[in-house]
Amino acid sequence: FGYSRVNGANITTIMGGPRVTRPVSPKASVFG
């Protein structure tokens, strides 16, 4: 869920979908 104020207008997004996460170190992961 996102909300932003862009160029004087309110933009609201409600999204859903898949994510794939891959650790690259004991403390960090990258995802798409």
Full PDB file with SEQRES, HELIX, SHEET, SSBOND, CRYST1, ORIGX, SCALE, CONECT and MASTER records, all heavy atoms in Angstrom:
SEQRES   1 A   32  PHE GLY TYR SER ARG VAL ASN GLY ALA ASN ILE THR THR          
SEQRES   2 A   32  ILE MET GLY GLY PRO ARG VAL THR ARG PRO VAL SER PRO          
SEQRES   3 A   32  LYS ALA SER VAL PHE GLY                                      
SHEET    1 AA1 2 GLY A   2  VAL A   6  0                                        
SHEET    2 AA1 2 ALA A   9  THR A  13 -1                                        
SHEET    1 AA2 2 THR A  21  SER A  25  0                                        
SHEET    2 AA2 2 ALA A  28  PHE A  31 -1                                        
CRYST1    1.000    1.000    1.000  90.00  90.00  90.00 P 1           1          
ORIGX1      1.000000  0.000000  0.000000        0.00000                         
ORIGX2      0.000000  1.000000  0.000000        0.00000                         
ORIGX3      0.000000  0.000000  1.000000        0.00000                         
SCALE1      1.000000  0.000000  0.000000        0.00000                         
SCALE2      0.000000  1.000000  0.000000        0.00000                         
SCALE3      0.000000  0.000000  1.000000        0.00000                         
ATOM      1  N   PHE A   1       0.856  -1.182   0.000  1.00  0.00           N  
ATOM      2  CA  PHE A   1       0.000   0.000   0.000  1.00  0.00           C  
ATOM      3  C   PHE A   1       0.892   1.230   0.000  1.00  0.00           C  
ATOM      4  O   PHE A   1       1.793   1.370   0.837  1.00  0.00           O  
ATOM      5  CB  PHE A   1      -0.906   0.027   1.226  1.00  0.00           C  
ATOM      6  CG  PHE A   1      -1.667   1.327   1.368  1.00  0.00           C  
ATOM      7  CD1 PHE A   1      -2.802   1.558   0.604  1.00  0.00           C  
ATOM      8  CD2 PHE A   1      -1.225   2.314   2.243  1.00  0.00           C  
ATOM      9  CE1 PHE A   1      -3.500   2.763   0.721  1.00  0.00           C  
ATOM     10  CE2 PHE A   1      -1.914   3.518   2.369  1.00  0.00           C  
ATOM     11  CZ  PHE A   1      -3.055   3.734   1.599  1.00  0.00           C  
ATOM     12  N   GLY A   2       0.651   2.125  -0.947  1.00  0.00           N  
ATOM     13  CA  GLY A   2       1.449   3.333  -1.024  1.00  0.00           C  
ATOM     14  C   GLY A   2       0.582   4.573  -1.171  1.00  0.00           C  
ATOM     15  O   GLY A   2      -0.498   4.531  -1.763  1.00  0.00           O  
ATOM     16  N   TYR A   3       1.082   5.662  -0.622  1.00  0.00           N  
ATOM     17  CA  TYR A   3       0.393   6.948  -0.737  1.00  0.00           C  
ATOM     18  C   TYR A   3       1.454   8.023  -0.947  1.00  0.00           C  
ATOM     19  O   TYR A   3       2.459   8.081  -0.224  1.00  0.00           O  
ATOM     20  CB  TYR A   3      -0.410   7.266   0.521  1.00  0.00           C  
ATOM     21  CG  TYR A   3      -0.941   8.681   0.536  1.00  0.00           C  
ATOM     22  CD1 TYR A   3      -2.126   9.004  -0.118  1.00  0.00           C  
ATOM     23  CD2 TYR A   3      -0.240   9.694   1.192  1.00  0.00           C  
ATOM     24  CE1 TYR A   3      -2.601  10.311  -0.118  1.00  0.00           C  
ATOM     25  CE2 TYR A   3      -0.709  10.999   1.200  1.00  0.00           C  
ATOM     26  CZ  TYR A   3      -1.892  11.295   0.536  1.00  0.00           C  
ATOM     27  OH  TYR A   3      -2.349  12.585   0.523  1.00  0.00           O  
ATOM     28  N   SER A   4       1.242   8.856  -1.946  1.00  0.00           N  
ATOM     29  CA  SER A   4       2.183   9.950  -2.184  1.00  0.00           C  
ATOM     30  C   SER A   4       1.445  11.169  -2.715  1.00  0.00           C  
ATOM     31  O   SER A   4       0.353  11.061  -3.286  1.00  0.00           O  
ATOM     32  CB  SER A   4       3.286   9.524  -3.168  1.00  0.00           C  
ATOM     33  OG  SER A   4       2.720   9.113  -4.400  1.00  0.00           O  
ATOM     34  N   ARG A   5       2.065  12.296  -2.516  1.00  0.00           N  
ATOM     35  CA  ARG A   5       1.532  13.572  -2.999  1.00  0.00           C  
ATOM     36  C   ARG A   5       2.440  14.021  -4.142  1.00  0.00           C  
ATOM     37  O   ARG A   5       3.605  14.373  -3.930  1.00  0.00           O  
ATOM     38  CB  ARG A   5       1.537  14.602  -1.873  1.00  0.00           C  
ATOM     39  CG  ARG A   5       0.990  15.964  -2.264  1.00  0.00           C  
ATOM     40  CD  ARG A   5      -0.518  15.978  -2.310  1.00  0.00           C  
ATOM     41  NE  ARG A   5      -1.043  17.326  -2.550  1.00  0.00           N  
ATOM     42  CZ  ARG A   5      -2.320  17.580  -2.752  1.00  0.00           C  
ATOM     43  NH1 ARG A   5      -3.214  16.596  -2.740  1.00  0.00           N  
ATOM     44  NH2 ARG A   5      -2.727  18.818  -2.965  1.00  0.00           N  
ATOM     45  N   VAL A   6       1.918  13.961  -5.366  1.00  0.00           N  
ATOM     46  CA  VAL A   6       2.741  14.205  -6.548  1.00  0.00           C  
ATOM     47  C   VAL A   6       2.125  15.327  -7.372  1.00  0.00           C  
ATOM     48  O   VAL A   6       0.981  15.211  -7.835  1.00  0.00           O  
ATOM     49  CB  VAL A   6       2.875  12.934  -7.403  1.00  0.00           C  
ATOM     50  CG1 VAL A   6       3.731  13.207  -8.628  1.00  0.00           C  
ATOM     51  CG2 VAL A   6       3.465  11.802  -6.582  1.00  0.00           C  
ATOM     52  N   ASN A   7       2.877  16.405  -7.556  1.00  0.00           N  
ATOM     53  CA  ASN A   7       2.426  17.542  -8.383  1.00  0.00           C  
ATOM     54  C   ASN A   7       1.023  18.021  -8.005  1.00  0.00           C  
ATOM     55  O   ASN A   7       0.171  18.241  -8.867  1.00  0.00           O  
ATOM     56  CB  ASN A   7       2.465  17.165  -9.866  1.00  0.00           C  
ATOM     57  CG  ASN A   7       3.882  17.073 -10.397  1.00  0.00           C  
ATOM     58  OD1 ASN A   7       4.838  17.115  -9.628  1.00  0.00           O  
ATOM     59  ND2 ASN A   7       4.019  16.951 -11.694  1.00  0.00           N  
ATOM     60  N   GLY A   8       0.754  18.099  -6.706  1.00  0.00           N  
ATOM     61  CA  GLY A   8      -0.517  18.594  -6.225  1.00  0.00           C  
ATOM     62  C   GLY A   8      -1.645  17.595  -6.221  1.00  0.00           C  
ATOM     63  O   GLY A   8      -2.783  17.942  -5.910  1.00  0.00           O  
ATOM     64  N   ALA A   9      -1.375  16.349  -6.578  1.00  0.00           N  
ATOM     65  CA  ALA A   9      -2.409  15.311  -6.607  1.00  0.00           C  
ATOM     66  C   ALA A   9      -2.027  14.166  -5.681  1.00  0.00           C  
ATOM     67  O   ALA A   9      -0.842  13.879  -5.474  1.00  0.00           O  
ATOM     68  CB  ALA A   9      -2.601  14.787  -8.027  1.00  0.00           C  
ATOM     69  N   ASN A  10      -3.037  13.508  -5.127  1.00  0.00           N  
ATOM     70  CA  ASN A  10      -2.810  12.335  -4.285  1.00  0.00           C  
ATOM     71  C   ASN A  10      -2.802  11.074  -5.152  1.00  0.00           C  
ATOM     72  O   ASN A  10      -3.716  10.861  -5.945  1.00  0.00           O  
ATOM     73  CB  ASN A  10      -3.903  12.213  -3.225  1.00  0.00           C  
ATOM     74  CG  ASN A  10      -3.927  13.402  -2.296  1.00  0.00           C  
ATOM     75  OD1 ASN A  10      -2.900  14.003  -2.009  1.00  0.00           O  
ATOM     76  ND2 ASN A  10      -5.112  13.763  -1.829  1.00  0.00           N  
ATOM     77  N   ILE A  11      -1.779  10.243  -4.974  1.00  0.00           N  
ATOM     78  CA  ILE A  11      -1.691   8.985  -5.690  1.00  0.00           C  
ATOM     79  C   ILE A  11      -1.672   7.852  -4.672  1.00  0.00           C  
ATOM     80  O   ILE A  11      -0.796   7.793  -3.815  1.00  0.00           O  
ATOM     81  CB  ILE A  11      -0.437   8.916  -6.581  1.00  0.00           C  
ATOM     82  CG1 ILE A  11      -0.492  10.008  -7.647  1.00  0.00           C  
ATOM     83  CG2 ILE A  11      -0.300   7.544  -7.216  1.00  0.00           C  
ATOM     84  CD1 ILE A  11       0.697  10.021  -8.579  1.00  0.00           C  
ATOM     85  N   THR A  12      -2.659   6.962  -4.757  1.00  0.00           N  
ATOM     86  CA  THR A  12      -2.754   5.814  -3.864  1.00  0.00           C  
ATOM     87  C   THR A  12      -2.608   4.536  -4.674  1.00  0.00           C  
ATOM     88  O   THR A  12      -3.262   4.377  -5.713  1.00  0.00           O  
ATOM     89  CB  THR A  12      -4.106   5.805  -3.128  1.00  0.00           C  
ATOM     90  OG1 THR A  12      -4.261   7.040  -2.412  1.00  0.00           O  
ATOM     91  CG2 THR A  12      -4.174   4.649  -2.149  1.00  0.00           C  
ATOM     92  N   THR A  13      -1.751   3.629  -4.202  1.00  0.00           N  
ATOM     93  CA  THR A  13      -1.549   2.352  -4.888  1.00  0.00           C  
ATOM     94  C   THR A  13      -1.821   1.204  -3.924  1.00  0.00           C  
ATOM     95  O   THR A  13      -1.392   1.243  -2.768  1.00  0.00           O  
ATOM     96  CB  THR A  13      -0.126   2.228  -5.440  1.00  0.00           C  
ATOM     97  OG1 THR A  13       0.810   2.421  -4.372  1.00  0.00           O  
ATOM     98  CG2 THR A  13       0.135   3.261  -6.514  1.00  0.00           C  
ATOM     99  N   ILE A  14      -2.548   0.218  -4.404  1.00  0.00           N  
ATOM    100  CA  ILE A  14      -2.778  -1.025  -3.663  1.00  0.00           C  
ATOM    101  C   ILE A  14      -2.346  -2.159  -4.582  1.00  0.00           C  
ATOM    102  O   ILE A  14      -2.997  -2.425  -5.594  1.00  0.00           O  
ATOM    103  CB  ILE A  14      -4.246  -1.178  -3.251  1.00  0.00           C  
ATOM    104  CG1 ILE A  14      -4.687   0.014  -2.401  1.00  0.00           C  
ATOM    105  CG2 ILE A  14      -4.452  -2.482  -2.488  1.00  0.00           C  
ATOM    106  CD1 ILE A  14      -6.159  -0.009  -2.050  1.00  0.00           C  
ATOM    107  N   MET A  15      -1.231  -2.820  -4.239  1.00  0.00           N  
ATOM    108  CA  MET A  15      -0.608  -3.792  -5.124  1.00  0.00           C  
ATOM    109  C   MET A  15      -0.378  -5.128  -4.412  1.00  0.00           C  
ATOM    110  O   MET A  15      -0.352  -5.204  -3.182  1.00  0.00           O  
ATOM    111  CB  MET A  15       0.740  -3.262  -5.626  1.00  0.00           C  
ATOM    112  CG  MET A  15       0.671  -1.944  -6.373  1.00  0.00           C  
ATOM    113  SD  MET A  15       0.186  -2.200  -8.079  1.00  0.00           S  
ATOM    114  CE  MET A  15       0.416  -0.543  -8.735  1.00  0.00           C  
ATOM    115  N   GLY A  16      -0.172  -6.150  -5.199  1.00  0.00           N  
ATOM    116  CA  GLY A  16       0.195  -7.458  -4.669  1.00  0.00           C  
ATOM    117  C   GLY A  16       0.901  -8.262  -5.741  1.00  0.00           C  
ATOM    118  O   GLY A  16       0.692  -8.043  -6.939  1.00  0.00           O  
ATOM    119  N   GLY A  17       1.766  -9.205  -5.302  1.00  0.00           N  
ATOM    120  CA  GLY A  17       2.457 -10.025  -6.276  1.00  0.00           C  
ATOM    121  C   GLY A  17       3.604 -10.804  -5.658  1.00  0.00           C  
ATOM    122  O   GLY A  17       3.811 -10.781  -4.441  1.00  0.00           O  
ATOM    123  N   PRO A  18       4.387 -11.514  -6.478  1.00  0.00           N  
ATOM    124  CA  PRO A  18       5.474 -12.363  -5.975  1.00  0.00           C  
ATOM    125  C   PRO A  18       6.769 -11.596  -5.761  1.00  0.00           C  
ATOM    126  O   PRO A  18       7.023 -10.572  -6.406  1.00  0.00           O  
ATOM    127  CB  PRO A  18       5.646 -13.386  -7.103  1.00  0.00           C  
ATOM    128  CG  PRO A  18       5.275 -12.636  -8.334  1.00  0.00           C  
ATOM    129  CD  PRO A  18       4.174 -11.689  -7.928  1.00  0.00           C  
ATOM    130  N   ARG A  19       7.585 -12.103  -4.834  1.00  0.00           N  
ATOM    131  CA  ARG A  19       8.928 -11.576  -4.577  1.00  0.00           C  
ATOM    132  C   ARG A  19       9.889 -12.751  -4.446  1.00  0.00           C  
ATOM    133  O   ARG A  19       9.560 -13.779  -3.863  1.00  0.00           O  
ATOM    134  CB  ARG A  19       8.965 -10.738  -3.301  1.00  0.00           C  
ATOM    135  CG  ARG A  19      10.377 -10.330  -2.874  1.00  0.00           C  
ATOM    136  CD  ARG A  19      10.407  -9.591  -1.553  1.00  0.00           C  
ATOM    137  NE  ARG A  19       9.954  -8.208  -1.686  1.00  0.00           N  
ATOM    138  CZ  ARG A  19      10.117  -7.298  -0.718  1.00  0.00           C  
ATOM    139  NH1 ARG A  19      10.715  -7.625   0.411  1.00  0.00           N  
ATOM    140  NH2 ARG A  19       9.668  -6.069  -0.895  1.00  0.00           N  
ATOM    141  N   VAL A  20      11.085 -12.599  -4.984  1.00  0.00           N  
ATOM    142  CA  VAL A  20      12.151 -13.595  -4.845  1.00  0.00           C  
ATOM    143  C   VAL A  20      13.330 -12.918  -4.164  1.00  0.00           C  
ATOM    144  O   VAL A  20      13.821 -11.890  -4.640  1.00  0.00           O  
ATOM    145  CB  VAL A  20      12.576 -14.170  -6.209  1.00  0.00           C  
ATOM    146  CG1 VAL A  20      13.736 -15.148  -6.026  1.00  0.00           C  
ATOM    147  CG2 VAL A  20      11.403 -14.862  -6.885  1.00  0.00           C  
ATOM    148  N   THR A  21      13.773 -13.472  -3.025  1.00  0.00           N  
ATOM    149  CA  THR A  21      14.854 -12.895  -2.234  1.00  0.00           C  
ATOM    150  C   THR A  21      16.023 -13.856  -2.184  1.00  0.00           C  
ATOM    151  O   THR A  21      15.849 -15.050  -1.949  1.00  0.00           O  
ATOM    152  CB  THR A  21      14.385 -12.589  -0.802  1.00  0.00           C  
ATOM    153  OG1 THR A  21      13.222 -11.759  -0.846  1.00  0.00           O  
ATOM    154  CG2 THR A  21      15.471 -11.883  -0.007  1.00  0.00           C  
ATOM    155  N   ARG A  22      17.228 -13.333  -2.388  1.00  0.00           N  
ATOM    156  CA  ARG A  22      18.438 -14.162  -2.380  1.00  0.00           C  
ATOM    157  C   ARG A  22      19.493 -13.521  -1.485  1.00  0.00           C  
ATOM    158  O   ARG A  22      19.955 -12.413  -1.757  1.00  0.00           O  
ATOM    159  CB  ARG A  22      18.988 -14.310  -3.800  1.00  0.00           C  
ATOM    160  CG  ARG A  22      20.290 -15.094  -3.885  1.00  0.00           C  
ATOM    161  CD  ARG A  22      20.087 -16.545  -3.495  1.00  0.00           C  
ATOM    162  NE  ARG A  22      21.336 -17.287  -3.545  1.00  0.00           N  
ATOM    163  CZ  ARG A  22      21.462 -18.550  -3.139  1.00  0.00           C  
ATOM    164  NH1 ARG A  22      20.404 -19.194  -2.660  1.00  0.00           N  
ATOM    165  NH2 ARG A  22      22.608 -19.164  -3.211  1.00  0.00           N  
ATOM    166  N   PRO A  23      19.917 -14.185  -0.383  1.00  0.00           N  
ATOM    167  CA  PRO A  23      20.991 -13.641   0.453  1.00  0.00           C  
ATOM    168  C   PRO A  23      22.313 -13.574  -0.310  1.00  0.00           C  
ATOM    169  O   PRO A  23      22.650 -14.492  -1.059  1.00  0.00           O  
ATOM    170  CB  PRO A  23      21.075 -14.636   1.616  1.00  0.00           C  
ATOM    171  CG  PRO A  23      19.744 -15.321   1.634  1.00  0.00           C  
ATOM    172  CD  PRO A  23      19.313 -15.397   0.208  1.00  0.00           C  
ATOM    173  N   VAL A  24      23.049 -12.497  -0.108  1.00  0.00           N  
ATOM    174  CA  VAL A  24      24.370 -12.357  -0.714  1.00  0.00           C  
ATOM    175  C   VAL A  24      25.467 -12.326   0.345  1.00  0.00           C  
ATOM    176  O   VAL A  24      26.651 -12.393   0.008  1.00  0.00           O  
ATOM    177  CB  VAL A  24      24.432 -11.080  -1.581  1.00  0.00           C  
ATOM    178  CG1 VAL A  24      23.521 -11.210  -2.781  1.00  0.00           C  
ATOM    179  CG2 VAL A  24      24.070  -9.838  -0.771  1.00  0.00           C  
ATOM    180  N   SER A  25      25.081 -12.221   1.612  1.00  0.00           N  
ATOM    181  CA  SER A  25      26.010 -12.282   2.735  1.00  0.00           C  
ATOM    182  C   SER A  25      25.197 -12.572   3.987  1.00  0.00           C  
ATOM    183  O   SER A  25      23.965 -12.566   3.933  1.00  0.00           O  
ATOM    184  CB  SER A  25      26.769 -10.949   2.872  1.00  0.00           C  
ATOM    185  OG  SER A  25      25.943  -9.967   3.457  1.00  0.00           O  
ATOM    186  N   PRO A  26      25.851 -12.845   5.129  1.00  0.00           N  
ATOM    187  CA  PRO A  26      25.072 -13.091   6.359  1.00  0.00           C  
ATOM    188  C   PRO A  26      24.198 -11.920   6.779  1.00  0.00           C  
ATOM    189  O   PRO A  26      23.266 -12.090   7.547  1.00  0.00           O  
ATOM    190  CB  PRO A  26      26.158 -13.365   7.407  1.00  0.00           C  
ATOM    191  CG  PRO A  26      27.315 -13.873   6.631  1.00  0.00           C  
ATOM    192  CD  PRO A  26      27.288 -13.103   5.339  1.00  0.00           C  
ATOM    193  N   LYS A  27      24.466 -10.728   6.277  1.00  0.00           N  
ATOM    194  CA  LYS A  27      23.717  -9.549   6.712  1.00  0.00           C  
ATOM    195  C   LYS A  27      22.945  -8.853   5.599  1.00  0.00           C  
ATOM    196  O   LYS A  27      22.269  -7.859   5.854  1.00  0.00           O  
ATOM    197  CB  LYS A  27      24.672  -8.540   7.362  1.00  0.00           C  
ATOM    198  CG  LYS A  27      25.208  -8.988   8.710  1.00  0.00           C  
ATOM    199  CD  LYS A  27      26.077  -7.903   9.312  1.00  0.00           C  
ATOM    200  CE  LYS A  27      26.514  -8.280  10.725  1.00  0.00           C  
ATOM    201  NZ  LYS A  27      25.410  -8.305  11.677  1.00  0.00           N  
ATOM    202  N   ALA A  28      23.028  -9.332   4.373  1.00  0.00           N  
ATOM    203  CA  ALA A  28      22.384  -8.622   3.268  1.00  0.00           C  
ATOM    204  C   ALA A  28      21.736  -9.587   2.293  1.00  0.00           C  
ATOM    205  O   ALA A  28      22.235 -10.689   2.057  1.00  0.00           O  
ATOM    206  CB  ALA A  28      23.398  -7.737   2.537  1.00  0.00           C  
ATOM    207  N   SER A  29      20.602  -9.158   1.733  1.00  0.00           N  
ATOM    208  CA  SER A  29      19.889  -9.908   0.714  1.00  0.00           C  
ATOM    209  C   SER A  29      19.450  -8.958  -0.388  1.00  0.00           C  
ATOM    210  O   SER A  29      19.198  -7.786  -0.140  1.00  0.00           O  
ATOM    211  CB  SER A  29      18.653 -10.613   1.295  1.00  0.00           C  
ATOM    212  OG  SER A  29      19.019 -11.592   2.236  1.00  0.00           O  
ATOM    213  N   VAL A  30      19.349  -9.488  -1.597  1.00  0.00           N  
ATOM    214  CA  VAL A  30      18.786  -8.721  -2.711  1.00  0.00           C  
ATOM    215  C   VAL A  30      17.474  -9.373  -3.111  1.00  0.00           C  
ATOM    216  O   VAL A  30      17.271 -10.571  -2.900  1.00  0.00           O  
ATOM    217  CB  VAL A  30      19.752  -8.660  -3.906  1.00  0.00           C  
ATOM    218  CG1 VAL A  30      20.989  -7.868  -3.550  1.00  0.00           C  
ATOM    219  CG2 VAL A  30      20.122 -10.060  -4.384  1.00  0.00           C  
ATOM    220  N   PHE A  31      16.566  -8.602  -3.690  1.00  0.00           N  
ATOM    221  CA  PHE A  31      15.275  -9.153  -4.077  1.00  0.00           C  
ATOM    222  C   PHE A  31      14.764  -8.488  -5.339  1.00  0.00           C  
ATOM    223  O   PHE A  31      15.141  -7.363  -5.683  1.00  0.00           O  
ATOM    224  CB  PHE A  31      14.245  -9.004  -2.944  1.00  0.00           C  
ATOM    225  CG  PHE A  31      13.864  -7.582  -2.633  1.00  0.00           C  
ATOM    226  CD1 PHE A  31      12.827  -6.954  -3.311  1.00  0.00           C  
ATOM    227  CD2 PHE A  31      14.542  -6.863  -1.656  1.00  0.00           C  
ATOM    228  CE1 PHE A  31      12.468  -5.647  -3.026  1.00  0.00           C  
ATOM    229  CE2 PHE A  31      14.189  -5.555  -1.364  1.00  0.00           C  
ATOM    230  CZ  PHE A  31      13.151  -4.943  -2.050  1.00  0.00           C  
ATOM    231  N   GLY A  32      13.902  -9.214  -6.022  1.00  0.00           N  
ATOM    232  CA  GLY A  32      13.177  -8.682  -7.165  1.00  0.00           C  
ATOM    233  C   GLY A  32      11.712  -9.033  -7.008  1.00  0.00           C  
ATOM    234  O   GLY A  32      11.378 -10.095  -6.454  1.00  0.00           O  
TER     235      GLY A  32                                                      
MASTER        0    0    0    0    4    0    0    6  234    1    0    3          
END                                                                             
